[in-house]
N, C-alpha and C. Protein backbone atom coordinates (compact mmCIF):
# COMPACT_ATOMS: atom_id res chain seq x y z
N MET A 1 52.75 -41.52 39.88
CA MET A 1 52.06 -40.28 39.52
C MET A 1 50.93 -40.63 38.56
N ASN A 2 49.76 -40.12 38.83
CA ASN A 2 48.62 -40.34 37.95
C ASN A 2 48.07 -39.01 37.47
N LEU A 3 47.78 -38.97 36.22
CA LEU A 3 47.23 -37.79 35.58
C LEU A 3 45.72 -37.82 35.69
N ASN A 4 45.11 -36.67 35.99
CA ASN A 4 43.65 -36.63 36.04
C ASN A 4 43.11 -35.96 34.77
N GLU A 5 41.80 -35.98 34.63
CA GLU A 5 41.16 -35.46 33.42
C GLU A 5 41.44 -33.98 33.21
N GLU A 6 41.46 -33.21 34.29
CA GLU A 6 41.72 -31.77 34.19
C GLU A 6 43.14 -31.50 33.66
N SER A 7 44.12 -32.24 34.19
CA SER A 7 45.50 -32.08 33.73
C SER A 7 45.66 -32.49 32.27
N LEU A 8 44.97 -33.57 31.90
CA LEU A 8 45.02 -34.02 30.51
C LEU A 8 44.48 -32.95 29.56
N LYS A 9 43.37 -32.33 29.94
CA LYS A 9 42.78 -31.28 29.10
C LYS A 9 43.71 -30.07 29.01
N LYS A 10 44.39 -29.76 30.10
CA LYS A 10 45.32 -28.63 30.09
C LYS A 10 46.51 -28.92 29.16
N ILE A 11 47.04 -30.14 29.26
CA ILE A 11 48.16 -30.54 28.38
C ILE A 11 47.71 -30.51 26.92
N ALA A 12 46.53 -31.04 26.66
CA ALA A 12 46.00 -31.06 25.29
C ALA A 12 45.84 -29.63 24.77
N ASP A 13 45.37 -28.73 25.61
CA ASP A 13 45.20 -27.33 25.22
C ASP A 13 46.55 -26.70 24.90
N LEU A 14 47.54 -26.94 25.75
CA LEU A 14 48.87 -26.39 25.50
C LEU A 14 49.49 -26.93 24.21
N ALA A 15 49.17 -28.20 23.90
CA ALA A 15 49.70 -28.83 22.69
C ALA A 15 48.82 -28.57 21.48
N LYS A 16 47.78 -27.78 21.67
CA LYS A 16 46.84 -27.45 20.59
C LYS A 16 46.19 -28.70 20.01
N LEU A 17 45.83 -29.64 20.91
CA LEU A 17 45.15 -30.86 20.50
C LEU A 17 43.70 -30.81 20.93
N ARG A 18 42.84 -31.35 20.10
CA ARG A 18 41.43 -31.47 20.47
C ARG A 18 41.17 -32.93 20.83
N ILE A 19 40.72 -33.15 22.05
CA ILE A 19 40.40 -34.51 22.49
C ILE A 19 38.89 -34.59 22.70
N ARG A 20 38.27 -35.48 21.96
CA ARG A 20 36.82 -35.67 22.11
C ARG A 20 36.55 -36.37 23.45
N SER A 21 35.34 -36.18 23.96
CA SER A 21 35.00 -36.72 25.29
C SER A 21 35.17 -38.24 25.35
N GLU A 22 34.88 -38.94 24.24
CA GLU A 22 35.04 -40.41 24.26
C GLU A 22 36.50 -40.85 24.21
N GLU A 23 37.41 -39.91 23.91
CA GLU A 23 38.84 -40.24 23.85
C GLU A 23 39.54 -39.98 25.18
N VAL A 24 38.92 -39.27 26.10
CA VAL A 24 39.57 -38.89 27.35
C VAL A 24 40.00 -40.12 28.15
N GLY A 25 39.11 -41.09 28.30
CA GLY A 25 39.44 -42.30 29.08
C GLY A 25 40.65 -43.05 28.53
N PRO A 26 40.64 -43.41 27.22
CA PRO A 26 41.81 -44.11 26.67
C PRO A 26 43.10 -43.28 26.74
N PHE A 27 42.98 -41.97 26.53
CA PHE A 27 44.17 -41.12 26.62
C PHE A 27 44.72 -41.12 28.04
N LEU A 28 43.84 -41.03 29.02
CA LEU A 28 44.28 -41.05 30.42
C LEU A 28 44.98 -42.36 30.76
N GLN A 29 44.42 -43.48 30.30
CA GLN A 29 45.05 -44.78 30.55
C GLN A 29 46.45 -44.83 29.94
N ASP A 30 46.55 -44.42 28.67
CA ASP A 30 47.85 -44.47 27.99
C ASP A 30 48.86 -43.53 28.65
N PHE A 31 48.42 -42.32 28.96
CA PHE A 31 49.30 -41.35 29.59
C PHE A 31 49.81 -41.88 30.93
N ASN A 32 48.90 -42.44 31.72
CA ASN A 32 49.29 -42.94 33.03
C ASN A 32 50.22 -44.14 32.93
N LYS A 33 50.05 -44.99 31.92
CA LYS A 33 50.99 -46.09 31.69
C LYS A 33 52.38 -45.54 31.40
N ILE A 34 52.44 -44.51 30.56
CA ILE A 34 53.73 -43.90 30.22
C ILE A 34 54.38 -43.29 31.47
N LEU A 35 53.59 -42.55 32.25
CA LEU A 35 54.13 -41.92 33.46
C LEU A 35 54.62 -42.96 34.45
N ASN A 36 53.88 -44.05 34.60
CA ASN A 36 54.32 -45.12 35.50
C ASN A 36 55.60 -45.77 35.01
N TYR A 37 55.73 -45.94 33.72
CA TYR A 37 56.95 -46.52 33.16
C TYR A 37 58.14 -45.59 33.41
N VAL A 38 57.93 -44.29 33.24
CA VAL A 38 59.00 -43.32 33.51
C VAL A 38 59.39 -43.38 34.99
N ASP A 39 58.43 -43.50 35.88
CA ASP A 39 58.73 -43.63 37.31
C ASP A 39 59.57 -44.88 37.57
N THR A 40 59.26 -45.97 36.88
CA THR A 40 60.03 -47.20 37.03
C THR A 40 61.47 -46.99 36.56
N ILE A 41 61.63 -46.32 35.46
CA ILE A 41 62.97 -46.06 34.93
C ILE A 41 63.77 -45.16 35.88
N LYS A 42 63.10 -44.19 36.50
CA LYS A 42 63.78 -43.29 37.44
C LYS A 42 64.38 -44.04 38.62
N GLU A 43 63.80 -45.18 38.97
CA GLU A 43 64.27 -45.95 40.12
C GLU A 43 65.54 -46.75 39.82
N LEU A 44 65.92 -46.89 38.57
CA LEU A 44 67.09 -47.68 38.23
C LEU A 44 68.37 -47.02 38.75
N ASP A 45 69.29 -47.84 39.21
CA ASP A 45 70.58 -47.34 39.68
C ASP A 45 71.54 -47.30 38.49
N VAL A 46 71.87 -46.11 38.06
CA VAL A 46 72.76 -45.94 36.91
C VAL A 46 74.08 -45.29 37.33
N SER A 47 74.36 -45.28 38.62
CA SER A 47 75.56 -44.61 39.12
C SER A 47 76.85 -45.26 38.62
N SER A 48 76.80 -46.54 38.28
CA SER A 48 78.02 -47.22 37.83
C SER A 48 78.24 -47.11 36.32
N ILE A 49 77.31 -46.51 35.61
CA ILE A 49 77.44 -46.38 34.16
C ILE A 49 78.23 -45.12 33.82
N THR A 50 79.27 -45.30 33.02
CA THR A 50 80.10 -44.16 32.63
C THR A 50 79.77 -43.75 31.20
N GLU A 51 80.29 -42.61 30.82
CA GLU A 51 80.06 -42.13 29.46
C GLU A 51 80.67 -43.09 28.43
N ASP A 52 81.77 -43.74 28.80
CA ASP A 52 82.38 -44.71 27.89
C ASP A 52 81.49 -45.92 27.66
N ASP A 53 80.66 -46.25 28.64
CA ASP A 53 79.71 -47.36 28.47
C ASP A 53 78.62 -46.98 27.47
N LEU A 54 78.25 -45.71 27.47
CA LEU A 54 77.19 -45.25 26.58
C LEU A 54 77.68 -45.07 25.14
N TYR A 55 78.90 -44.59 24.99
CA TYR A 55 79.45 -44.28 23.67
C TYR A 55 80.82 -44.92 23.52
N PRO A 56 80.90 -46.24 23.39
CA PRO A 56 82.20 -46.92 23.40
C PRO A 56 83.06 -46.67 22.17
N ASP A 57 82.46 -46.42 21.02
CA ASP A 57 83.24 -46.33 19.79
C ASP A 57 83.52 -44.91 19.34
N LEU A 58 83.31 -43.95 20.22
CA LEU A 58 83.58 -42.58 19.81
C LEU A 58 85.08 -42.34 19.82
N GLY A 59 85.56 -41.90 18.73
CA GLY A 59 86.96 -41.53 18.62
C GLY A 59 87.04 -40.25 17.83
N ASN A 60 88.21 -39.86 17.50
CA ASN A 60 88.37 -38.65 16.71
C ASN A 60 87.85 -38.93 15.31
N SER A 61 86.82 -38.21 14.92
CA SER A 61 86.21 -38.48 13.63
C SER A 61 86.62 -37.47 12.56
N VAL A 62 87.74 -36.80 12.78
CA VAL A 62 88.22 -35.83 11.80
C VAL A 62 88.80 -36.60 10.62
N ARG A 63 88.39 -36.23 9.42
CA ARG A 63 88.93 -36.92 8.26
C ARG A 63 90.11 -36.11 7.70
N HIS A 64 90.94 -36.78 6.99
CA HIS A 64 92.11 -36.13 6.40
C HIS A 64 91.71 -35.38 5.14
N ASP A 65 92.28 -34.19 4.98
CA ASP A 65 92.05 -33.44 3.76
C ASP A 65 92.90 -34.03 2.65
N LYS A 66 92.26 -34.34 1.57
CA LYS A 66 93.02 -34.82 0.42
C LYS A 66 92.37 -34.31 -0.84
N ILE A 67 93.18 -34.06 -1.81
CA ILE A 67 92.70 -33.54 -3.08
C ILE A 67 92.04 -34.69 -3.83
N GLU A 68 90.80 -34.45 -4.24
CA GLU A 68 90.07 -35.46 -4.98
C GLU A 68 89.49 -34.85 -6.24
N TYR A 69 88.98 -35.71 -7.08
CA TYR A 69 88.35 -35.29 -8.32
C TYR A 69 87.16 -34.40 -8.03
N GLY A 70 87.03 -33.31 -8.77
CA GLY A 70 85.88 -32.44 -8.67
C GLY A 70 85.26 -32.29 -10.05
N LEU A 71 84.10 -31.70 -10.10
CA LEU A 71 83.42 -31.51 -11.37
C LEU A 71 84.02 -30.33 -12.13
N THR A 72 84.08 -30.46 -13.43
CA THR A 72 84.54 -29.34 -14.26
C THR A 72 83.37 -28.41 -14.51
N ARG A 73 83.65 -27.20 -14.95
CA ARG A 73 82.58 -26.24 -15.24
C ARG A 73 81.64 -26.80 -16.30
N GLN A 74 82.18 -27.50 -17.29
CA GLN A 74 81.33 -28.06 -18.34
C GLN A 74 80.37 -29.11 -17.77
N GLU A 75 80.86 -29.92 -16.85
CA GLU A 75 80.00 -30.92 -16.23
C GLU A 75 78.89 -30.26 -15.41
N ILE A 76 79.25 -29.21 -14.68
CA ILE A 76 78.25 -28.49 -13.88
C ILE A 76 77.22 -27.86 -14.81
N GLU A 77 77.68 -27.25 -15.89
CA GLU A 77 76.77 -26.62 -16.84
C GLU A 77 75.82 -27.65 -17.45
N SER A 78 76.29 -28.87 -17.64
CA SER A 78 75.44 -29.89 -18.25
C SER A 78 74.29 -30.32 -17.32
N PHE A 79 74.46 -30.15 -16.01
CA PHE A 79 73.40 -30.51 -15.05
C PHE A 79 72.33 -29.43 -14.96
N ALA A 80 72.74 -28.19 -15.21
CA ALA A 80 71.83 -27.05 -14.97
C ALA A 80 70.88 -26.87 -16.15
N PRO A 81 69.60 -26.59 -15.86
CA PRO A 81 68.67 -26.31 -16.94
C PRO A 81 69.06 -25.03 -17.68
N SER A 82 69.63 -24.07 -16.93
CA SER A 82 70.06 -22.82 -17.55
C SER A 82 71.28 -22.30 -16.80
N PHE A 83 72.31 -21.96 -17.57
CA PHE A 83 73.58 -21.54 -16.99
C PHE A 83 74.12 -20.41 -17.87
N GLN A 84 74.39 -19.23 -17.28
CA GLN A 84 74.90 -18.09 -18.06
C GLN A 84 76.02 -17.40 -17.31
N ASN A 85 77.09 -17.10 -17.99
CA ASN A 85 78.22 -16.35 -17.43
C ASN A 85 78.73 -16.94 -16.11
N GLY A 86 78.74 -18.27 -16.01
CA GLY A 86 79.25 -18.93 -14.81
C GLY A 86 78.26 -19.04 -13.67
N TYR A 87 76.98 -18.72 -13.90
CA TYR A 87 75.96 -18.76 -12.85
C TYR A 87 74.77 -19.62 -13.28
N PHE A 88 74.13 -20.22 -12.28
CA PHE A 88 72.87 -20.91 -12.53
C PHE A 88 71.79 -19.83 -12.73
N VAL A 89 70.94 -20.03 -13.72
CA VAL A 89 69.83 -19.11 -13.94
C VAL A 89 68.57 -19.81 -13.45
N VAL A 90 67.88 -19.14 -12.53
CA VAL A 90 66.66 -19.70 -11.94
C VAL A 90 65.51 -18.73 -12.15
N PRO A 91 64.28 -19.22 -12.06
CA PRO A 91 63.15 -18.33 -12.21
C PRO A 91 63.12 -17.28 -11.10
N LYS A 92 62.63 -16.10 -11.44
CA LYS A 92 62.53 -15.02 -10.46
C LYS A 92 61.47 -15.40 -9.43
N VAL A 93 61.80 -15.21 -8.14
CA VAL A 93 60.89 -15.56 -7.08
C VAL A 93 60.26 -14.31 -6.47
N ILE A 94 61.04 -13.29 -6.34
CA ILE A 94 60.56 -12.06 -5.71
C ILE A 94 60.51 -10.97 -6.77
N GLU A 95 59.38 -10.36 -6.90
CA GLU A 95 59.23 -9.25 -7.83
C GLU A 95 59.69 -7.97 -7.16
N THR A 96 60.48 -7.18 -7.86
CA THR A 96 60.93 -5.91 -7.29
C THR A 96 60.37 -4.74 -8.05
């Protein structure tokens, strides 16, 4: 499959790209190389490849729940620039 200049301009327009006239030739060459490579890949026989071949080490990734150390309120308060009545105080963003 080869892309022509009209198709390239349409794709560029859809992608909101501006391609200068001196860039059309190099873009067409690069695009056509990519399309030819994709065509080559499409021809590969992958019927014997299973999902296990693609993802051999996938297992159950659920971790065990265990009680671990957490931060105390005092430690959390020490990180915050401003902390009042158990809440972080942040600058007002929306005026009401």
